[in-house]
């Protein structure tokens, strides 16, 4: 399979980018970083990504800051792919002056089969396919109990699936002061 030796998760990540950014026409599609993070979380929960995990990370959407379940391993792999020229990154600002990142596969990658095995492609497709294309990620903001909350929905044909990407639970813990001997 090509010259690169990619892990299962790296292959799934590349294929995920492929299905959301490639077109038959000569258009250049990009996927926003927050939407990509929601898709990665979704695929972690469905067992497609085997070694990636996620943790609460501060994200911004339309000026609203919230915690989302972000995979640092996936972001690290994206950055490595960007450095070697497999992935392109676009950075822009929205009307709320938020920095927004977007990604796509490099224009020169024409045969995804040279990087990703058929088995990995089938796994990703099984989780994201709809009758017409792939699930659409929609992030919305609304007011609940006097505060702004963000919600992630995946749209597939006429079906709407809520995804708990922003539902980060508080974990209580206690600590005590540690003073090394000699102080």
N, C-alpha and C. Protein backbone atom coordinates (compact mmCIF):
# COMPACT_ATOMS: atom_id res chain seq x y z
N UNK A 1 0.83 -1.19 0.00
CA UNK A 1 0.00 0.00 0.00
C UNK A 1 0.88 1.25 0.00
N UNK A 2 1.27 1.71 -1.14
CA UNK A 2 2.01 2.96 -1.25
C UNK A 2 3.35 2.90 -0.55
N UNK A 3 3.97 4.06 -0.38
CA UNK A 3 5.28 4.13 0.27
C UNK A 3 5.15 4.41 1.75
N UNK A 4 4.00 4.91 2.19
CA UNK A 4 3.83 5.24 3.60
C UNK A 4 3.29 4.04 4.37
N UNK A 5 3.72 3.92 5.59
CA UNK A 5 3.18 2.90 6.47
C UNK A 5 2.28 3.62 7.47
N UNK A 6 0.98 3.59 7.22
CA UNK A 6 0.03 4.34 8.04
C UNK A 6 -0.73 3.40 8.96
N UNK A 7 -1.00 3.86 10.17
CA UNK A 7 -1.81 3.08 11.10
C UNK A 7 -3.26 3.07 10.62
N UNK A 8 -4.03 2.20 11.21
CA UNK A 8 -5.47 2.12 10.90
C UNK A 8 -6.13 3.48 11.10
N UNK A 9 -5.87 4.13 12.24
CA UNK A 9 -6.49 5.42 12.54
C UNK A 9 -6.06 6.50 11.56
N UNK A 10 -4.79 6.50 11.17
CA UNK A 10 -4.32 7.49 10.20
C UNK A 10 -4.99 7.30 8.85
N UNK A 11 -5.17 6.05 8.44
CA UNK A 11 -5.87 5.77 7.20
C UNK A 11 -7.33 6.24 7.27
N UNK A 12 -7.99 5.94 8.39
CA UNK A 12 -9.39 6.35 8.57
C UNK A 12 -9.50 7.87 8.55
N UNK A 13 -8.54 8.56 9.15
CA UNK A 13 -8.54 10.02 9.16
C UNK A 13 -8.41 10.58 7.75
N UNK A 14 -7.50 10.03 6.96
CA UNK A 14 -7.34 10.49 5.59
C UNK A 14 -8.60 10.22 4.77
N UNK A 15 -9.21 9.06 4.97
CA UNK A 15 -10.41 8.75 4.21
C UNK A 15 -11.57 9.65 4.63
N UNK A 16 -11.65 9.95 5.91
CA UNK A 16 -12.66 10.89 6.39
C UNK A 16 -12.53 12.24 5.69
N UNK A 17 -11.31 12.75 5.62
CA UNK A 17 -11.07 14.01 4.89
C UNK A 17 -11.41 13.86 3.41
N UNK A 18 -11.08 12.73 2.85
CA UNK A 18 -11.35 12.49 1.43
C UNK A 18 -12.84 12.58 1.13
N UNK A 19 -13.68 11.88 1.91
CA UNK A 19 -15.10 11.85 1.57
C UNK A 19 -15.81 13.18 1.81
N UNK A 20 -15.23 14.03 2.66
CA UNK A 20 -15.87 15.33 2.91
C UNK A 20 -15.27 16.47 2.10
N UNK A 21 -14.17 16.22 1.39
CA UNK A 21 -13.56 17.34 0.64
C UNK A 21 -13.36 17.06 -0.84
N UNK A 22 -13.51 15.84 -1.29
CA UNK A 22 -13.30 15.54 -2.71
C UNK A 22 -14.60 15.65 -3.48
N UNK A 23 -14.51 16.17 -4.70
CA UNK A 23 -15.67 16.26 -5.59
C UNK A 23 -15.26 15.77 -6.98
N UNK A 24 -16.26 15.46 -7.78
CA UNK A 24 -15.99 15.07 -9.16
C UNK A 24 -15.62 16.28 -10.01
N UNK A 25 -16.12 17.45 -9.61
CA UNK A 25 -15.81 18.66 -10.36
C UNK A 25 -14.46 19.20 -9.89
N UNK A 26 -14.06 20.31 -10.43
CA UNK A 26 -12.77 20.89 -10.05
C UNK A 26 -12.92 21.88 -8.89
N UNK A 27 -13.94 21.68 -8.07
CA UNK A 27 -14.12 22.56 -6.90
C UNK A 27 -13.17 22.15 -5.79
N UNK A 28 -12.85 23.10 -4.94
CA UNK A 28 -12.03 22.81 -3.77
C UNK A 28 -12.93 22.93 -2.55
N UNK A 29 -13.22 21.80 -1.93
CA UNK A 29 -14.02 21.81 -0.71
C UNK A 29 -13.11 21.70 0.50
N UNK A 30 -13.48 22.37 1.57
CA UNK A 30 -12.73 22.34 2.82
C UNK A 30 -13.70 21.93 3.92
N UNK A 31 -13.20 21.28 4.95
CA UNK A 31 -14.02 20.97 6.11
C UNK A 31 -13.47 21.76 7.29
N UNK A 32 -14.37 22.46 7.98
CA UNK A 32 -13.95 23.27 9.12
C UNK A 32 -13.47 22.37 10.25
N UNK A 33 -12.49 22.88 10.99
CA UNK A 33 -11.85 22.10 12.06
C UNK A 33 -12.85 21.62 13.11
N UNK A 34 -13.78 22.47 13.52
CA UNK A 34 -14.73 22.08 14.55
C UNK A 34 -15.63 20.94 14.06
N UNK A 35 -16.08 21.03 12.83
CA UNK A 35 -16.91 19.97 12.25
C UNK A 35 -16.11 18.67 12.09
N UNK A 36 -14.86 18.80 11.70
CA UNK A 36 -13.98 17.63 11.60
C UNK A 36 -13.80 16.99 12.98
N UNK A 37 -13.61 17.82 14.00
CA UNK A 37 -13.46 17.29 15.36
C UNK A 37 -14.72 16.54 15.81
N UNK A 38 -15.89 17.05 15.45
CA UNK A 38 -17.14 16.37 15.80
C UNK A 38 -17.23 15.03 15.08
N UNK A 39 -16.82 14.98 13.82
CA UNK A 39 -16.81 13.72 13.08
C UNK A 39 -15.82 12.72 13.68
N UNK A 40 -14.66 13.20 14.06
CA UNK A 40 -13.66 12.32 14.69
C UNK A 40 -14.21 11.74 15.99
N UNK A 41 -14.82 12.60 16.83
CA UNK A 41 -15.44 12.12 18.07
C UNK A 41 -16.49 11.04 17.76
N UNK A 42 -17.33 11.31 16.79
CA UNK A 42 -18.39 10.38 16.39
C UNK A 42 -17.80 9.02 15.99
N UNK A 43 -16.72 9.04 15.22
CA UNK A 43 -16.10 7.79 14.78
C UNK A 43 -15.33 7.10 15.90
N UNK A 44 -14.83 7.85 16.87
CA UNK A 44 -14.22 7.22 18.06
C UNK A 44 -15.29 6.46 18.82
N UNK A 45 -16.43 7.10 19.02
CA UNK A 45 -17.53 6.48 19.76
C UNK A 45 -18.06 5.23 19.05
N UNK A 46 -17.97 5.17 17.74
CA UNK A 46 -18.45 4.01 16.98
C UNK A 46 -17.37 2.97 16.76
N UNK A 47 -16.19 3.18 17.32
CA UNK A 47 -15.13 2.20 17.25
C UNK A 47 -14.34 2.18 15.95
N UNK A 48 -14.56 3.16 15.08
CA UNK A 48 -13.80 3.21 13.83
C UNK A 48 -12.35 3.60 14.13
N UNK A 49 -12.17 4.61 14.94
CA UNK A 49 -10.83 4.98 15.40
C UNK A 49 -10.53 4.12 16.62
N UNK A 50 -9.48 3.35 16.55
CA UNK A 50 -9.18 2.37 17.60
C UNK A 50 -8.25 2.90 18.67
N UNK A 51 -7.31 3.76 18.28
CA UNK A 51 -6.31 4.23 19.24
C UNK A 51 -6.49 5.70 19.64
N UNK A 52 -7.31 6.43 18.91
CA UNK A 52 -7.58 7.82 19.28
C UNK A 52 -8.52 7.84 20.48
N UNK A 53 -8.31 8.83 21.32
CA UNK A 53 -9.29 9.09 22.37
C UNK A 53 -9.59 10.58 22.33
N UNK A 54 -10.35 11.07 23.29
CA UNK A 54 -10.72 12.49 23.30
C UNK A 54 -10.75 12.99 24.73
N UNK A 55 -10.65 14.29 24.86
CA UNK A 55 -10.70 14.96 26.16
C UNK A 55 -11.32 16.34 25.95
N UNK A 56 -11.86 16.92 27.02
CA UNK A 56 -12.43 18.26 26.88
C UNK A 56 -11.36 19.26 26.43
N UNK A 57 -11.73 20.06 25.45
CA UNK A 57 -10.85 21.09 24.94
C UNK A 57 -11.70 22.31 24.60
N UNK A 58 -11.20 23.48 24.90
CA UNK A 58 -11.94 24.71 24.66
C UNK A 58 -12.01 24.98 23.15
N UNK A 59 -13.22 25.16 22.64
CA UNK A 59 -13.44 25.46 21.23
C UNK A 59 -14.32 26.70 21.13
N UNK A 60 -14.27 27.36 19.97
CA UNK A 60 -15.05 28.57 19.75
C UNK A 60 -15.91 28.39 18.51
N UNK A 61 -17.18 28.81 18.63
CA UNK A 61 -18.10 28.75 17.50
C UNK A 61 -18.96 30.00 17.55
N UNK A 62 -18.86 30.84 16.53
CA UNK A 62 -19.62 32.09 16.44
C UNK A 62 -19.48 32.95 17.70
N UNK A 63 -18.29 33.01 18.23
CA UNK A 63 -18.02 33.82 19.41
C UNK A 63 -18.35 33.15 20.72
N UNK A 64 -18.92 31.96 20.69
CA UNK A 64 -19.28 31.22 21.91
C UNK A 64 -18.15 30.24 22.21
N UNK A 65 -17.63 30.31 23.43
CA UNK A 65 -16.58 29.38 23.85
C UNK A 65 -17.22 28.29 24.70
N UNK A 66 -16.93 27.05 24.33
CA UNK A 66 -17.44 25.88 25.06
C UNK A 66 -16.39 24.80 25.00
N UNK A 67 -16.59 23.79 25.81
CA UNK A 67 -15.71 22.63 25.75
C UNK A 67 -16.31 21.59 24.82
N UNK A 68 -15.47 21.02 23.98
CA UNK A 68 -15.86 19.94 23.10
C UNK A 68 -14.94 18.76 23.32
N UNK A 69 -15.37 17.60 22.88
CA UNK A 69 -14.59 16.36 23.04
C UNK A 69 -13.66 16.21 21.84
N UNK A 70 -12.41 16.65 22.00
CA UNK A 70 -11.45 16.75 20.91
C UNK A 70 -10.35 15.71 21.09
N UNK A 71 -9.96 15.09 19.99
CA UNK A 71 -8.87 14.11 20.00
C UNK A 71 -7.56 14.81 19.68
N UNK A 72 -6.68 14.88 20.66
CA UNK A 72 -5.37 15.49 20.43
C UNK A 72 -4.51 14.62 19.53
N UNK A 73 -4.69 13.28 19.60
CA UNK A 73 -3.93 12.38 18.73
C UNK A 73 -4.29 12.63 17.27
N UNK A 74 -5.58 12.80 16.99
CA UNK A 74 -6.01 13.07 15.62
C UNK A 74 -5.46 14.41 15.14
N UNK A 75 -5.50 15.44 15.99
CA UNK A 75 -4.96 16.74 15.61
C UNK A 75 -3.46 16.66 15.36
N UNK A 76 -2.77 15.84 16.15
CA UNK A 76 -1.33 15.67 15.96
C UNK A 76 -1.07 15.01 14.61
N UNK A 77 -1.85 13.96 14.28
CA UNK A 77 -1.69 13.31 12.98
C UNK A 77 -2.00 14.26 11.83
N UNK A 78 -3.03 15.07 11.99
CA UNK A 78 -3.37 16.07 10.95
C UNK A 78 -2.19 17.01 10.73
N UNK A 79 -1.59 17.46 11.81
CA UNK A 79 -0.44 18.37 11.69
C UNK A 79 0.74 17.68 11.01
N UNK A 80 0.98 16.42 11.34
CA UNK A 80 2.07 15.68 10.68
C UNK A 80 1.79 15.52 9.18
N UNK A 81 0.56 15.20 8.84
CA UNK A 81 0.18 15.08 7.42
C UNK A 81 0.32 16.43 6.71
N UNK A 82 0.02 17.50 7.42
CA UNK A 82 0.16 18.84 6.83
C UNK A 82 1.63 19.15 6.55
N UNK A 83 2.48 18.78 7.48
CA UNK A 83 3.91 19.07 7.33
C UNK A 83 4.55 18.33 6.15
N UNK A 84 4.05 17.13 5.85
CA UNK A 84 4.62 16.38 4.72
C UNK A 84 3.87 16.61 3.42
N UNK A 85 2.83 17.45 3.46
CA UNK A 85 2.14 17.85 2.24
C UNK A 85 0.96 17.00 1.82
N UNK A 86 0.48 16.12 2.69
CA UNK A 86 -0.69 15.31 2.35
C UNK A 86 -1.98 16.09 2.58
N UNK A 87 -1.98 16.92 3.61
CA UNK A 87 -3.15 17.72 3.97
C UNK A 87 -2.81 19.19 3.84
N UNK A 88 -3.78 19.97 3.37
CA UNK A 88 -3.64 21.43 3.33
C UNK A 88 -4.51 22.04 4.41
N UNK A 89 -4.06 23.16 4.96
CA UNK A 89 -4.82 23.86 5.99
C UNK A 89 -5.06 25.29 5.54
N UNK A 90 -6.27 25.77 5.81
CA UNK A 90 -6.65 27.14 5.52
C UNK A 90 -7.03 27.78 6.84
N UNK A 91 -6.55 28.97 7.08
CA UNK A 91 -6.87 29.69 8.31
C UNK A 91 -7.58 30.97 7.92
N UNK A 92 -8.74 31.23 8.53
CA UNK A 92 -9.46 32.47 8.25
C UNK A 92 -10.20 32.91 9.49
N UNK A 93 -10.79 34.08 9.44
CA UNK A 93 -11.57 34.61 10.55
C UNK A 93 -13.01 34.77 10.11
N UNK A 94 -13.93 34.54 11.03
CA UNK A 94 -15.34 34.75 10.71
C UNK A 94 -15.78 36.14 11.19
N UNK A 95 -17.07 36.43 11.06
CA UNK A 95 -17.55 37.76 11.43
C UNK A 95 -17.46 38.04 12.93
N UNK A 96 -17.19 37.01 13.73
CA UNK A 96 -17.02 37.17 15.17
C UNK A 96 -15.54 37.28 15.54
N UNK A 97 -14.67 37.36 14.52
CA UNK A 97 -13.22 37.44 14.66
C UNK A 97 -12.62 36.19 15.31
N UNK A 98 -13.31 35.06 15.18
CA UNK A 98 -12.75 33.79 15.64
C UNK A 98 -11.79 33.29 14.57
N UNK A 99 -10.67 32.72 15.00
CA UNK A 99 -9.80 32.04 14.05
C UNK A 99 -10.43 30.70 13.74
N UNK A 100 -10.61 30.42 12.46
CA UNK A 100 -11.23 29.18 12.03
C UNK A 100 -10.24 28.45 11.13
N UNK A 101 -10.04 27.17 11.42
CA UNK A 101 -9.18 26.34 10.57
C UNK A 101 -10.04 25.45 9.70
N UNK A 102 -9.57 25.15 8.51
CA UNK A 102 -10.27 24.23 7.61
C UNK A 102 -9.21 23.37 6.92
N UNK A 103 -9.60 22.14 6.57
CA UNK A 103 -8.66 21.18 6.02
C UNK A 103 -9.20 20.53 4.76
N UNK A 104 -8.28 20.02 3.97
CA UNK A 104 -8.61 19.19 2.81
C UNK A 104 -7.37 18.40 2.44
N UNK A 105 -7.56 17.34 1.67
CA UNK A 105 -6.41 16.62 1.14
C UNK A 105 -5.72 17.49 0.10
N UNK A 106 -4.43 17.31 -0.05
CA UNK A 106 -3.68 18.06 -1.06
C UNK A 106 -4.21 17.74 -2.45
N UNK A 107 -4.23 18.73 -3.31
CA UNK A 107 -4.75 18.58 -4.68
C UNK A 107 -4.10 17.43 -5.43
N UNK A 108 -2.84 17.15 -5.15
CA UNK A 108 -2.11 16.12 -5.88
C UNK A 108 -2.49 14.69 -5.52
N UNK A 109 -3.28 14.50 -4.49
CA UNK A 109 -3.67 13.15 -4.09
C UNK A 109 -4.90 12.76 -4.89
N UNK A 110 -4.67 11.95 -5.91
CA UNK A 110 -5.78 11.58 -6.79
C UNK A 110 -6.31 10.18 -6.50
N UNK A 111 -5.48 9.31 -6.00
CA UNK A 111 -5.89 7.94 -5.74
C UNK A 111 -5.79 7.65 -4.25
N UNK A 112 -6.91 7.78 -3.56
CA UNK A 112 -6.93 7.54 -2.12
C UNK A 112 -6.62 6.07 -1.82
N UNK A 113 -6.90 5.19 -2.78
CA UNK A 113 -6.65 3.75 -2.60
C UNK A 113 -5.17 3.45 -2.36
N UNK A 114 -4.30 4.35 -2.79
CA UNK A 114 -2.87 4.13 -2.58
C UNK A 114 -2.45 4.41 -1.13
N UNK A 115 -3.32 5.08 -0.37
CA UNK A 115 -3.02 5.40 1.02
C UNK A 115 -3.89 4.65 2.02
N UNK A 116 -5.09 4.26 1.61
CA UNK A 116 -6.08 3.72 2.54
C UNK A 116 -6.55 2.35 2.05
N UNK A 117 -6.59 1.38 2.95
CA UNK A 117 -7.03 0.03 2.57
C UNK A 117 -8.55 0.01 2.37
N UNK A 118 -9.01 -0.94 1.59
CA UNK A 118 -10.46 -1.09 1.34
C UNK A 118 -11.22 -1.37 2.64
N UNK A 119 -10.62 -2.14 3.53
CA UNK A 119 -11.27 -2.45 4.81
C UNK A 119 -11.54 -1.21 5.64
N UNK A 120 -10.55 -0.30 5.70
CA UNK A 120 -10.72 0.95 6.44
C UNK A 120 -11.79 1.81 5.77
N UNK A 121 -11.78 1.86 4.44
CA UNK A 121 -12.80 2.62 3.71
C UNK A 121 -14.19 2.12 4.06
N UNK A 122 -14.37 0.80 4.08
CA UNK A 122 -15.69 0.21 4.40
C UNK A 122 -16.13 0.58 5.81
N UNK A 123 -15.20 0.56 6.78
CA UNK A 123 -15.55 0.92 8.16
C UNK A 123 -16.05 2.36 8.27
N UNK A 124 -15.34 3.28 7.63
CA UNK A 124 -15.73 4.69 7.67
C UNK A 124 -17.06 4.88 6.95
N UNK A 125 -17.19 4.29 5.78
CA UNK A 125 -18.44 4.40 5.00
C UNK A 125 -19.63 3.86 5.78
N UNK A 126 -19.45 2.76 6.47
CA UNK A 126 -20.55 2.14 7.24
C UNK A 126 -21.09 3.11 8.30
N UNK A 127 -20.22 3.89 8.90
CA UNK A 127 -20.65 4.83 9.95
C UNK A 127 -21.19 6.15 9.42
N UNK A 128 -20.80 6.55 8.21
CA UNK A 128 -21.13 7.90 7.73
C UNK A 128 -22.01 7.96 6.49
N UNK A 129 -22.27 6.82 5.86
CA UNK A 129 -23.03 6.84 4.60
C UNK A 129 -24.52 7.05 4.80
N UNK A 130 -25.10 7.75 3.86
CA UNK A 130 -26.55 7.94 3.75
C UNK A 130 -26.94 7.49 2.35
N UNK A 131 -28.23 7.48 2.07
CA UNK A 131 -28.67 7.11 0.72
C UNK A 131 -28.09 8.05 -0.32
N UNK A 132 -28.03 9.32 0.01
CA UNK A 132 -27.48 10.32 -0.90
C UNK A 132 -26.26 10.96 -0.25
N UNK A 133 -25.11 10.37 -0.41
CA UNK A 133 -23.88 10.95 0.12
C UNK A 133 -23.56 10.51 1.53
N UNK A 134 -23.12 11.48 2.34
CA UNK A 134 -22.68 11.21 3.70
C UNK A 134 -23.41 12.12 4.69
N UNK A 135 -23.32 11.75 5.96
CA UNK A 135 -23.97 12.54 7.00
C UNK A 135 -23.45 13.96 6.98
N UNK A 136 -24.36 14.89 7.18
CA UNK A 136 -24.02 16.31 7.21
C UNK A 136 -23.92 16.73 8.68
N UNK A 137 -22.84 17.44 9.01
CA UNK A 137 -22.63 17.91 10.38
C UNK A 137 -23.20 19.31 10.50
N UNK A 138 -24.08 19.52 11.44
CA UNK A 138 -24.64 20.85 11.66
C UNK A 138 -24.43 21.21 13.13
N UNK A 139 -23.77 22.34 13.37
CA UNK A 139 -23.56 22.84 14.72
C UNK A 139 -24.41 24.09 14.86
N UNK A 140 -25.25 24.11 15.90
CA UNK A 140 -26.14 25.24 16.11
C UNK A 140 -25.97 25.78 17.52
N UNK A 141 -26.35 27.02 17.67
CA UNK A 141 -26.31 27.62 19.01
C UNK A 141 -27.72 28.07 19.38
N UNK A 142 -28.05 27.91 20.65
CA UNK A 142 -29.35 28.38 21.13
C UNK A 142 -29.26 28.64 22.63
N UNK A 143 -30.30 29.25 23.16
CA UNK A 143 -30.33 29.60 24.60
C UNK A 143 -31.06 28.50 25.36
N UNK A 144 -30.48 28.11 26.48
CA UNK A 144 -31.11 27.14 27.36
C UNK A 144 -30.81 27.57 28.80
N UNK A 145 -31.88 27.75 29.55
CA UNK A 145 -31.76 28.14 30.96
C UNK A 145 -30.87 29.38 31.13
N UNK A 146 -31.06 30.34 30.25
CA UNK A 146 -30.37 31.62 30.37
C UNK A 146 -28.93 31.63 29.88
N UNK A 147 -28.48 30.56 29.26
CA UNK A 147 -27.11 30.56 28.74
C UNK A 147 -27.08 30.00 27.32
N UNK A 148 -26.05 30.37 26.59
CA UNK A 148 -25.90 29.90 25.22
C UNK A 148 -25.27 28.52 25.23
N UNK A 149 -25.86 27.61 24.50
CA UNK A 149 -25.30 26.26 24.37
C UNK A 149 -25.15 25.91 22.90
N UNK A 150 -24.20 25.04 22.63
CA UNK A 150 -23.98 24.56 21.27
C UNK A 150 -24.47 23.12 21.18
N UNK A 151 -24.96 22.78 20.01
CA UNK A 151 -25.51 21.45 19.80
C UNK A 151 -25.00 20.91 18.46
N UNK A 152 -24.66 19.63 18.44
CA UNK A 152 -24.19 19.00 17.21
C UNK A 152 -25.23 18.01 16.73
N UNK A 153 -25.60 18.15 15.46
CA UNK A 153 -26.56 17.23 14.84
C UNK A 153 -25.94 16.68 13.57
N UNK A 154 -26.21 15.41 13.32
CA UNK A 154 -25.82 14.80 12.05
C UNK A 154 -27.10 14.55 11.28
N UNK A 155 -27.15 15.06 10.06
CA UNK A 155 -28.33 14.90 9.22
C UNK A 155 -28.06 13.82 8.18
N UNK A 156 -28.98 12.89 8.07
CA UNK A 156 -28.85 11.78 7.13
C UNK A 156 -30.22 11.53 6.54
N UNK A 157 -30.38 11.89 5.26
CA UNK A 157 -31.68 11.81 4.60
C UNK A 157 -32.66 12.66 5.41
N UNK A 158 -33.71 12.09 5.94
CA UNK A 158 -34.69 12.85 6.73
C UNK A 158 -34.46 12.68 8.23
N UNK A 159 -33.45 11.91 8.60
CA UNK A 159 -33.19 11.60 10.00
C UNK A 159 -32.18 12.57 10.61
N UNK A 160 -32.44 12.96 11.87
CA UNK A 160 -31.53 13.84 12.60
C UNK A 160 -31.01 13.06 13.81
N UNK A 161 -29.68 13.04 13.95
CA UNK A 161 -29.05 12.34 15.06
C UNK A 161 -28.30 13.36 15.92
N UNK A 162 -28.68 13.48 17.19
CA UNK A 162 -27.96 14.36 18.10
C UNK A 162 -26.68 13.68 18.54
N UNK A 163 -25.59 14.42 18.53
CA UNK A 163 -24.29 13.91 18.93
C UNK A 163 -23.82 14.75 20.11
N UNK A 164 -23.39 14.10 21.18
CA UNK A 164 -23.05 14.82 22.41
C UNK A 164 -21.61 15.35 22.45
N UNK A 165 -21.16 15.90 21.33
CA UNK A 165 -19.80 16.44 21.22
C UNK A 165 -19.52 17.53 22.26
N UNK A 166 -20.50 18.35 22.57
CA UNK A 166 -20.31 19.45 23.53
C UNK A 166 -20.78 19.09 24.94
N UNK A 167 -21.24 17.89 25.16
CA UNK A 167 -21.76 17.48 26.47
C UNK A 167 -20.62 16.96 27.33
N UNK A 168 -19.86 17.89 27.88
CA UNK A 168 -18.71 17.54 28.70
C UNK A 168 -19.14 17.58 30.16
N UNK A 169 -18.98 16.46 30.82
CA UNK A 169 -19.38 16.34 32.22
C UNK A 169 -18.28 16.89 33.13
N UNK A 170 -18.70 17.45 34.23
CA UNK A 170 -17.74 17.89 35.24
C UNK A 170 -17.28 16.68 36.05
N UNK A 171 -16.01 16.65 36.34
CA UNK A 171 -15.45 15.59 37.16
C UNK A 171 -14.93 16.24 38.43
N UNK A 172 -15.52 15.87 39.54
CA UNK A 172 -15.09 16.44 40.81
C UNK A 172 -13.82 15.73 41.29
N UNK A 173 -12.93 16.48 41.85
CA UNK A 173 -11.74 15.88 42.42
C UNK A 173 -11.28 16.76 43.57
N UNK A 174 -10.47 16.19 44.42
CA UNK A 174 -9.92 16.98 45.52
C UNK A 174 -8.41 16.80 45.49
N UNK A 175 -7.73 17.78 45.98
CA UNK A 175 -6.27 17.70 46.02
C UNK A 175 -5.80 18.32 47.31
N UNK A 176 -4.58 18.01 47.63
CA UNK A 176 -4.00 18.63 48.81
C UNK A 176 -2.65 19.21 48.43
N UNK A 177 -2.21 20.11 49.18
CA UNK A 177 -0.95 20.77 48.91
C UNK A 177 0.19 19.80 49.15
N UNK A 178 1.13 19.79 48.25
CA UNK A 178 2.31 18.96 48.39
C UNK A 178 3.50 19.88 48.54
N UNK A 179 4.22 19.75 49.64
CA UNK A 179 5.42 20.53 49.87
C UNK A 179 6.58 19.55 50.03
N UNK A 180 7.54 19.59 49.12
CA UNK A 180 8.69 18.68 49.24
C UNK A 180 9.45 18.94 50.53
N UNK A 181 10.05 17.88 51.06
CA UNK A 181 10.83 18.04 52.28
C UNK A 181 11.99 18.99 52.04
N UNK A 182 12.33 19.74 53.03
CA UNK A 182 13.44 20.65 52.93
C UNK A 182 13.01 22.10 52.70
N UNK A 183 11.72 22.32 52.49
CA UNK A 183 11.24 23.70 52.30
C UNK A 183 10.62 24.22 53.56
